[in-house]
PDB file of N, CA and C in Angstrom:
ATOM      1  N   MET A   1    -111.444   3.926  -8.213  1.00  0.00           N
ATOM      2  CA  MET A   1    -112.750   3.432  -8.577  1.00  0.00           C
ATOM      3  C   MET A   1    -113.131   2.339  -7.591  1.00  0.00           C
ATOM      4  N   PRO A   2    -114.237   2.480  -6.878  1.00  0.00           N
ATOM      5  CA  PRO A   2    -114.653   1.482  -5.894  1.00  0.00           C
ATOM      6  C   PRO A   2    -114.990   0.157  -6.557  1.00  0.00           C
ATOM      7  N   ALA A   3    -114.722  -0.911  -5.816  1.00  0.00           N
ATOM      8  CA  ALA A   3    -115.000  -2.252  -6.321  1.00  0.00           C
ATOM      9  C   ALA A   3    -115.549  -3.107  -5.190  1.00  0.00           C
ATOM     10  N   ILE A   4    -116.249  -4.157  -5.541  1.00  0.00           N
ATOM     11  CA  ILE A   4    -116.741  -5.127  -4.572  1.00  0.00           C
ATOM     12  C   ILE A   4    -115.793  -6.317  -4.620  1.00  0.00           C
ATOM     13  N   VAL A   5    -115.199  -6.628  -3.466  1.00  0.00           N
ATOM     14  CA  VAL A   5    -114.236  -7.705  -3.383  1.00  0.00           C
ATOM     15  C   VAL A   5    -114.879  -8.865  -2.651  1.00  0.00           C
ATOM     16  N   GLY A   6    -114.732 -10.059  -3.193  1.00  0.00           N
ATOM     17  CA  GLY A   6    -115.276 -11.252  -2.559  1.00  0.00           C
ATOM     18  C   GLY A   6    -114.386 -11.722  -1.428  1.00  0.00           C
ATOM     19  N   VAL A   7    -114.337 -13.017  -1.233  1.00  0.00           N
ATOM     20  CA  VAL A   7    -113.564 -13.620  -0.150  1.00  0.00           C
ATOM     21  C   VAL A   7    -112.075 -13.546  -0.469  1.00  0.00           C
ATOM     22  N   ALA A   8    -111.289 -13.161   0.512  1.00  0.00           N
ATOM     23  CA  ALA A   8    -109.837 -13.139   0.380  1.00  0.00           C
ATOM     24  C   ALA A   8    -109.251 -13.953   1.532  1.00  0.00           C
ATOM     25  N   GLN A   9    -108.467 -14.960   1.201  1.00  0.00           N
ATOM     26  CA  GLN A   9    -107.838 -15.802   2.221  1.00  0.00           C
ATOM     27  C   GLN A   9    -106.346 -15.513   2.235  1.00  0.00           C
ATOM     28  N   VAL A  10    -105.842 -15.090   3.382  1.00  0.00           N
ATOM     29  CA  VAL A  10    -104.426 -14.804   3.543  1.00  0.00           C
ATOM     30  C   VAL A  10    -103.822 -15.910   4.393  1.00  0.00           C
ATOM     31  N   ILE A  11    -102.899 -16.655   3.821  1.00  0.00           N
ATOM     32  CA  ILE A  11    -102.250 -17.741   4.548  1.00  0.00           C
ATOM     33  C   ILE A  11    -101.158 -17.201   5.450  1.00  0.00           C
ATOM     34  N   SER A  12    -100.306 -16.344   4.929  1.00  0.00           N
ATOM     35  CA  SER A  12     -99.253 -15.753   5.756  1.00  0.00           C
ATOM     36  C   SER A  12     -98.757 -14.464   5.113  1.00  0.00           C
ATOM     37  N   LEU A  13     -98.231 -13.605   5.943  1.00  0.00           N
ATOM     38  CA  LEU A  13     -97.603 -12.371   5.489  1.00  0.00           C
ATOM     39  C   LEU A  13     -96.217 -12.307   6.117  1.00  0.00           C
ATOM     40  N   GLY A  14     -95.241 -11.933   5.337  1.00  0.00           N
ATOM     41  CA  GLY A  14     -93.883 -11.829   5.848  1.00  0.00           C
ATOM     42  C   GLY A  14     -93.650 -10.501   6.546  1.00  0.00           C
ATOM     43  N   ASN A  15     -92.467 -10.358   7.100  1.00  0.00           N
ATOM     44  CA  ASN A  15     -92.086  -9.105   7.740  1.00  0.00           C
ATOM     45  C   ASN A  15     -92.047  -7.996   6.700  1.00  0.00           C
ATOM     46  N   SER A  16     -92.530  -6.849   7.059  1.00  0.00           N
ATOM     47  CA  SER A  16     -92.530  -5.665   6.202  1.00  0.00           C
ATOM     48  C   SER A  16     -93.324  -5.891   4.914  1.00  0.00           C
ATOM     49  N   SER A  17     -94.362  -6.686   4.980  1.00  0.00           N
ATOM     50  CA  SER A  17     -95.190  -6.914   3.800  1.00  0.00           C
ATOM     51  C   SER A  17     -96.464  -6.071   3.896  1.00  0.00           C
ATOM     52  N   VAL A  18     -97.168  -5.962   2.779  1.00  0.00           N
ATOM     53  CA  VAL A  18     -98.384  -5.159   2.715  1.00  0.00           C
ATOM     54  C   VAL A  18     -99.488  -6.005   2.105  1.00  0.00           C
ATOM     55  N   PHE A  19    -100.640  -6.056   2.770  1.00  0.00           N
ATOM     56  CA  PHE A  19    -101.835  -6.702   2.227  1.00  0.00           C
ATOM     57  C   PHE A  19    -102.854  -5.600   1.978  1.00  0.00           C
ATOM     58  N   HIS A  20    -103.235  -5.415   0.746  1.00  0.00           N
ATOM     59  CA  HIS A  20    -104.072  -4.275   0.386  1.00  0.00           C
ATOM     60  C   HIS A  20    -105.242  -4.726  -0.477  1.00  0.00           C
ATOM     61  N   ILE A  21    -106.443  -4.279  -0.102  1.00  0.00           N
ATOM     62  CA  ILE A  21    -107.641  -4.468  -0.921  1.00  0.00           C
ATOM     63  C   ILE A  21    -108.357  -3.130  -0.973  1.00  0.00           C
ATOM     64  N   GLY A  22    -108.639  -2.630  -2.152  1.00  0.00           N
ATOM     65  CA  GLY A  22    -109.391  -1.390  -2.285  1.00  0.00           C
ATOM     66  C   GLY A  22    -108.533  -0.213  -2.703  1.00  0.00           C
ATOM     67  N   ASP A  23    -109.136   0.960  -2.620  1.00  0.00           N
ATOM     68  CA  ASP A  23    -108.454   2.187  -3.027  1.00  0.00           C
ATOM     69  C   ASP A  23    -107.468   2.618  -1.947  1.00  0.00           C
ATOM     70  N   VAL A  24    -106.385   3.214  -2.380  1.00  0.00           N
ATOM     71  CA  VAL A  24    -105.384   3.673  -1.419  1.00  0.00           C
ATOM     72  C   VAL A  24    -104.659   4.878  -2.013  1.00  0.00           C
ATOM     73  N   TYR A  25    -104.246   5.790  -1.144  1.00  0.00           N
ATOM     74  CA  TYR A  25    -103.464   6.942  -1.590  1.00  0.00           C
ATOM     75  C   TYR A  25    -101.978   6.608  -1.568  1.00  0.00           C
ATOM     76  N   SER A  26    -101.513   6.003  -0.478  1.00  0.00           N
ATOM     77  CA  SER A  26    -100.086   5.736  -0.339  1.00  0.00           C
ATOM     78  C   SER A  26     -99.870   4.513   0.538  1.00  0.00           C
ATOM     79  N   ILE A  27     -98.975   3.624   0.118  1.00  0.00           N
ATOM     80  CA  ILE A  27     -98.553   2.482   0.920  1.00  0.00           C
ATOM     81  C   ILE A  27     -97.058   2.620   1.123  1.00  0.00           C
ATOM     82  N   SER A  28     -96.631   2.684   2.370  1.00  0.00           N
ATOM     83  CA  SER A  28     -95.215   2.892   2.669  1.00  0.00           C
ATOM     84  C   SER A  28     -94.735   1.945   3.759  1.00  0.00           C
ATOM     85  N   PRO A  29     -94.400   0.712   3.416  1.00  0.00           N
ATOM     86  CA  PRO A  29     -93.855  -0.180   4.442  1.00  0.00           C
ATOM     87  C   PRO A  29     -92.460   0.276   4.856  1.00  0.00           C
ATOM     88  N   VAL A  30     -92.173   0.160   6.138  1.00  0.00           N
ATOM     89  CA  VAL A  30     -90.906   0.636   6.681  1.00  0.00           C
ATOM     90  C   VAL A  30     -90.302  -0.463   7.549  1.00  0.00           C
ATOM     91  N   SER A  31     -89.010  -0.675   7.406  1.00  0.00           N
ATOM     92  CA  SER A  31     -88.323  -1.638   8.261  1.00  0.00           C
ATOM     93  C   SER A  31     -86.869  -1.221   8.399  1.00  0.00           C
ATOM     94  N   ASN A  32     -86.205  -1.766   9.407  1.00  0.00           N
ATOM     95  CA  ASN A  32     -84.782  -1.538   9.562  1.00  0.00           C
ATOM     96  C   ASN A  32     -84.149  -2.782  10.156  1.00  0.00           C
ATOM     97  N   ALA A  33     -82.860  -2.916   9.985  1.00  0.00           N
ATOM     98  CA  ALA A  33     -82.140  -4.088  10.482  1.00  0.00           C
ATOM     99  C   ALA A  33     -80.710  -3.698  10.805  1.00  0.00           C
ATOM    100  N   LYS A  34     -80.128  -4.439  11.722  1.00  0.00           N
ATOM    101  CA  LYS A  34     -78.725  -4.236  12.064  1.00  0.00           C
ATOM    102  C   LYS A  34     -78.042  -5.603  11.985  1.00  0.00           C
ATOM    103  N   THR A  35     -76.954  -5.653  11.260  1.00  0.00           N
ATOM    104  CA  THR A  35     -76.258  -6.924  11.045  1.00  0.00           C
ATOM    105  C   THR A  35     -74.836  -6.824  11.556  1.00  0.00           C
ATOM    106  N   PHE A  36     -74.456  -7.771  12.388  1.00  0.00           N
ATOM    107  CA  PHE A  36     -73.075  -7.903  12.828  1.00  0.00           C
ATOM    108  C   PHE A  36     -72.490  -9.122  12.132  1.00  0.00           C
ATOM    109  N   SER A  37     -71.341  -8.974  11.525  1.00  0.00           N
ATOM    110  CA  SER A  37     -70.714 -10.124  10.865  1.00  0.00           C
ATOM    111  C   SER A  37     -69.206  -9.977  10.948  1.00  0.00           C
ATOM    112  N   GLY A  38     -68.542 -11.092  10.997  1.00  0.00           N
ATOM    113  CA  GLY A  38     -67.087 -11.096  11.097  1.00  0.00           C
ATOM    114  C   GLY A  38     -66.422 -10.988   9.739  1.00  0.00           C
ATOM    115  N   ALA A  39     -65.114 -11.008   9.757  1.00  0.00           N
ATOM    116  CA  ALA A  39     -64.342 -10.903   8.518  1.00  0.00           C
ATOM    117  C   ALA A  39     -64.622 -12.105   7.619  1.00  0.00           C
ATOM    118  N   GLY A  40     -64.838 -11.856   6.356  1.00  0.00           N
ATOM    119  CA  GLY A  40     -65.087 -12.928   5.397  1.00  0.00           C
ATOM    120  C   GLY A  40     -66.498 -13.467   5.408  1.00  0.00           C
ATOM    121  N   SER A  41     -67.432 -12.808   6.077  1.00  0.00           N
ATOM    122  CA  SER A  41     -68.788 -13.348   6.187  1.00  0.00           C
ATOM    123  C   SER A  41     -69.577 -13.254   4.899  1.00  0.00           C
ATOM    124  N   PHE A  42     -69.412 -12.191   4.143  1.00  0.00           N
ATOM    125  CA  PHE A  42     -70.215 -11.995   2.937  1.00  0.00           C
ATOM    126  C   PHE A  42     -69.438 -12.275   1.659  1.00  0.00           C
ATOM    127  N   ASN A  43     -68.393 -13.057   1.737  1.00  0.00           N
ATOM    128  CA  ASN A  43     -67.632 -13.411   0.542  1.00  0.00           C
ATOM    129  C   ASN A  43     -68.366 -14.493  -0.229  1.00  0.00           C
ATOM    130  N   THR A  44     -68.480 -14.318  -1.535  1.00  0.00           N
ATOM    131  CA  THR A  44     -69.105 -15.326  -2.388  1.00  0.00           C
ATOM    132  C   THR A  44     -68.218 -15.563  -3.601  1.00  0.00           C
ATOM    133  N   GLY A  45     -68.335 -16.732  -4.169  1.00  0.00           N
ATOM    134  CA  GLY A  45     -67.552 -17.041  -5.364  1.00  0.00           C
ATOM    135  C   GLY A  45     -67.181 -18.507  -5.411  1.00  0.00           C
ATOM    136  N   ASP A  46     -66.643 -18.934  -6.543  1.00  0.00           N
ATOM    137  CA  ASP A  46     -66.196 -20.312  -6.721  1.00  0.00           C
ATOM    138  C   ASP A  46     -64.715 -20.408  -6.375  1.00  0.00           C
ATOM    139  N   GLY A  47     -64.344 -21.399  -5.585  1.00  0.00           N
ATOM    140  CA  GLY A  47     -62.951 -21.613  -5.234  1.00  0.00           C
ATOM    141  C   GLY A  47     -62.385 -20.512  -4.362  1.00  0.00           C
ATOM    142  N   LEU A  48     -63.161 -19.996  -3.446  1.00  0.00           N
ATOM    143  CA  LEU A  48     -62.750 -18.882  -2.601  1.00  0.00           C
ATOM    144  C   LEU A  48     -61.966 -19.398  -1.398  1.00  0.00           C
ATOM    145  N   THR A  49     -60.837 -18.780  -1.119  1.00  0.00           N
ATOM    146  CA  THR A  49     -60.033 -19.117   0.052  1.00  0.00           C
ATOM    147  C   THR A  49     -59.840 -17.852   0.881  1.00  0.00           C
ATOM    148  N   VAL A  50     -60.273 -17.917   2.141  1.00  0.00           N
ATOM    149  CA  VAL A  50     -60.191 -16.760   3.026  1.00  0.00           C
ATOM    150  C   VAL A  50     -59.413 -17.164   4.268  1.00  0.00           C
ATOM    151  N   TYR A  51     -58.425 -16.361   4.650  1.00  0.00           N
ATOM    152  CA  TYR A  51     -57.635 -16.603   5.858  1.00  0.00           C
ATOM    153  C   TYR A  51     -57.914 -15.479   6.851  1.00  0.00           C
ATOM    154  N   ASN A  52     -58.567 -15.821   7.935  1.00  0.00           N
ATOM    155  CA  ASN A  52     -58.857 -14.860   8.999  1.00  0.00           C
ATOM    156  C   ASN A  52     -58.283 -15.410  10.294  1.00  0.00           C
ATOM    157  N   ASN A  53     -57.018 -15.217  10.496  1.00  0.00           N
ATOM    158  CA  ASN A  53     -56.359 -15.830  11.642  1.00  0.00           C
ATOM    159  C   ASN A  53     -56.792 -15.196  12.961  1.00  0.00           C
ATOM    160  N   GLN A  54     -56.788 -13.893  13.065  1.00  0.00           N
ATOM    161  CA  GLN A  54     -57.182 -13.222  14.297  1.00  0.00           C
ATOM    162  C   GLN A  54     -58.272 -12.209  13.967  1.00  0.00           C
ATOM    163  N   SER A  55     -59.494 -12.695  13.881  1.00  0.00           N
ATOM    164  CA  SER A  55     -60.614 -11.840  13.527  1.00  0.00           C
ATOM    165  C   SER A  55     -61.591 -11.770  14.697  1.00  0.00           C
ATOM    166  N   SER A  56     -62.091 -10.591  14.985  1.00  0.00           N
ATOM    167  CA  SER A  56     -63.129 -10.438  16.005  1.00  0.00           C
ATOM    168  C   SER A  56     -64.111  -9.375  15.530  1.00  0.00           C
ATOM    169  N   THR A  57     -65.363  -9.556  15.894  1.00  0.00           N
ATOM    170  CA  THR A  57     -66.410  -8.618  15.504  1.00  0.00           C
ATOM    171  C   THR A  57     -66.806  -7.801  16.723  1.00  0.00           C
ATOM    172  N   ASN A  58     -66.689  -6.485  16.631  1.00  0.00           N
ATOM    173  CA  ASN A  58     -67.043  -5.602  17.726  1.00  0.00           C
ATOM    174  C   ASN A  58     -68.539  -5.332  17.686  1.00  0.00           C
ATOM    175  N   THR A  59     -69.286  -5.864  18.645  1.00  0.00           N
ATOM    176  CA  THR A  59     -70.739  -5.665  18.690  1.00  0.00           C
ATOM    177  C   THR A  59     -71.144  -4.690  19.778  1.00  0.00           C
ATOM    178  N   TYR A  60     -70.194  -3.993  20.398  1.00  0.00           N
ATOM    179  CA  TYR A  60     -70.527  -2.996  21.421  1.00  0.00           C
ATOM    180  C   TYR A  60     -71.125  -1.775  20.741  1.00  0.00           C
ATOM    181  N   ASP A  61     -72.337  -1.423  21.127  1.00  0.00           N
ATOM    182  CA  ASP A  61     -73.043  -0.301  20.520  1.00  0.00           C
ATOM    183  C   ASP A  61     -73.640   0.564  21.623  1.00  0.00           C
ATOM    184  N   PRO A  62     -72.959   1.616  22.046  1.00  0.00           N
ATOM    185  CA  PRO A  62     -73.408   2.384  23.197  1.00  0.00           C
ATOM    186  C   PRO A  62     -74.623   3.278  22.947  1.00  0.00           C
ATOM    187  N   ASP A  63     -74.921   3.638  21.704  1.00  0.00           N
ATOM    188  CA  ASP A  63     -76.070   4.514  21.481  1.00  0.00           C
ATOM    189  C   ASP A  63     -77.372   3.720  21.529  1.00  0.00           C
ATOM    190  N   ALA A  64     -78.455   4.406  21.855  1.00  0.00           N
ATOM    191  CA  ALA A  64     -79.742   3.727  22.031  1.00  0.00           C
ATOM    192  C   ALA A  64     -80.412   3.444  20.688  1.00  0.00           C
ATOM    193  N   VAL A  65     -80.357   4.398  19.763  1.00  0.00           N
ATOM    194  CA  VAL A  65     -81.037   4.254  18.478  1.00  0.00           C
ATOM    195  C   VAL A  65     -80.063   4.621  17.372  1.00  0.00           C
ATOM    196  N   ASP A  66     -79.925   3.749  16.379  1.00  0.00           N
ATOM    197  CA  ASP A  66     -79.057   4.058  15.244  1.00  0.00           C
ATOM    198  C   ASP A  66     -79.788   4.901  14.207  1.00  0.00           C
ATOM    199  N   GLN A  67     -80.877   4.359  13.683  1.00  0.00           N
ATOM    200  CA  GLN A  67     -81.699   5.095  12.737  1.00  0.00           C
ATOM    201  C   GLN A  67     -83.124   4.629  12.930  1.00  0.00           C
ATOM    202  N   GLY A  68     -83.948   5.477  13.483  1.00  0.00           N
ATOM    203  CA  GLY A  68     -85.322   5.093  13.790  1.00  0.00           C
ATOM    204  C   GLY A  68     -86.230   5.169  12.590  1.00  0.00           C
ATOM    205  N   ASN A  69     -87.430   4.590  12.752  1.00  0.00           N
ATOM    206  CA  ASN A  69     -88.431   4.619  11.685  1.00  0.00           C
ATOM    207  C   ASN A  69     -89.407   5.781  11.860  1.00  0.00           C
ATOM    208  N   TYR A  70     -89.231   6.612  12.870  1.00  0.00           N
ATOM    209  CA  TYR A  70     -90.129   7.737  13.047  1.00  0.00           C
ATOM    210  C   TYR A  70     -89.921   8.748  11.928  1.00  0.00           C
ATOM    211  N   LEU A  71     -90.913   9.484  11.636  1.00  0.00           N
ATOM    212  CA  LEU A  71     -90.976  10.481  10.553  1.00  0.00           C
ATOM    213  C   LEU A  71     -90.875   9.835   9.170  1.00  0.00           C
ATOM    214  N   ASN A  72     -91.008   8.532   9.081  1.00  0.00           N
ATOM    215  CA  ASN A  72     -91.087   7.840   7.781  1.00  0.00           C
ATOM    216  C   ASN A  72     -92.550   7.582   7.485  1.00  0.00           C
ATOM    217  N   VAL A  73     -93.204   8.530   6.903  1.00  0.00           N
ATOM    218  CA  VAL A  73     -94.621   8.361   6.588  1.00  0.00           C
ATOM    219  C   VAL A  73     -94.852   8.487   5.105  1.00  0.00           C
TER     220      VAL A  73
END
């Protein structure tokens, strides 16, 4: 149903966000990310003790594209 929209002030939009006014059939925001982290990086909890004496993170990535956003419509 069509509507008349007055003034809209947008202060900021984050990454992969959608600003929409009016009728729409489909909104499909798409994003991707690659995270490199070492041993014990995502550990959470109270009183946590982690021992990583010889830890290394392999960031060598020989391929050009891991998972593209093409064909995501």
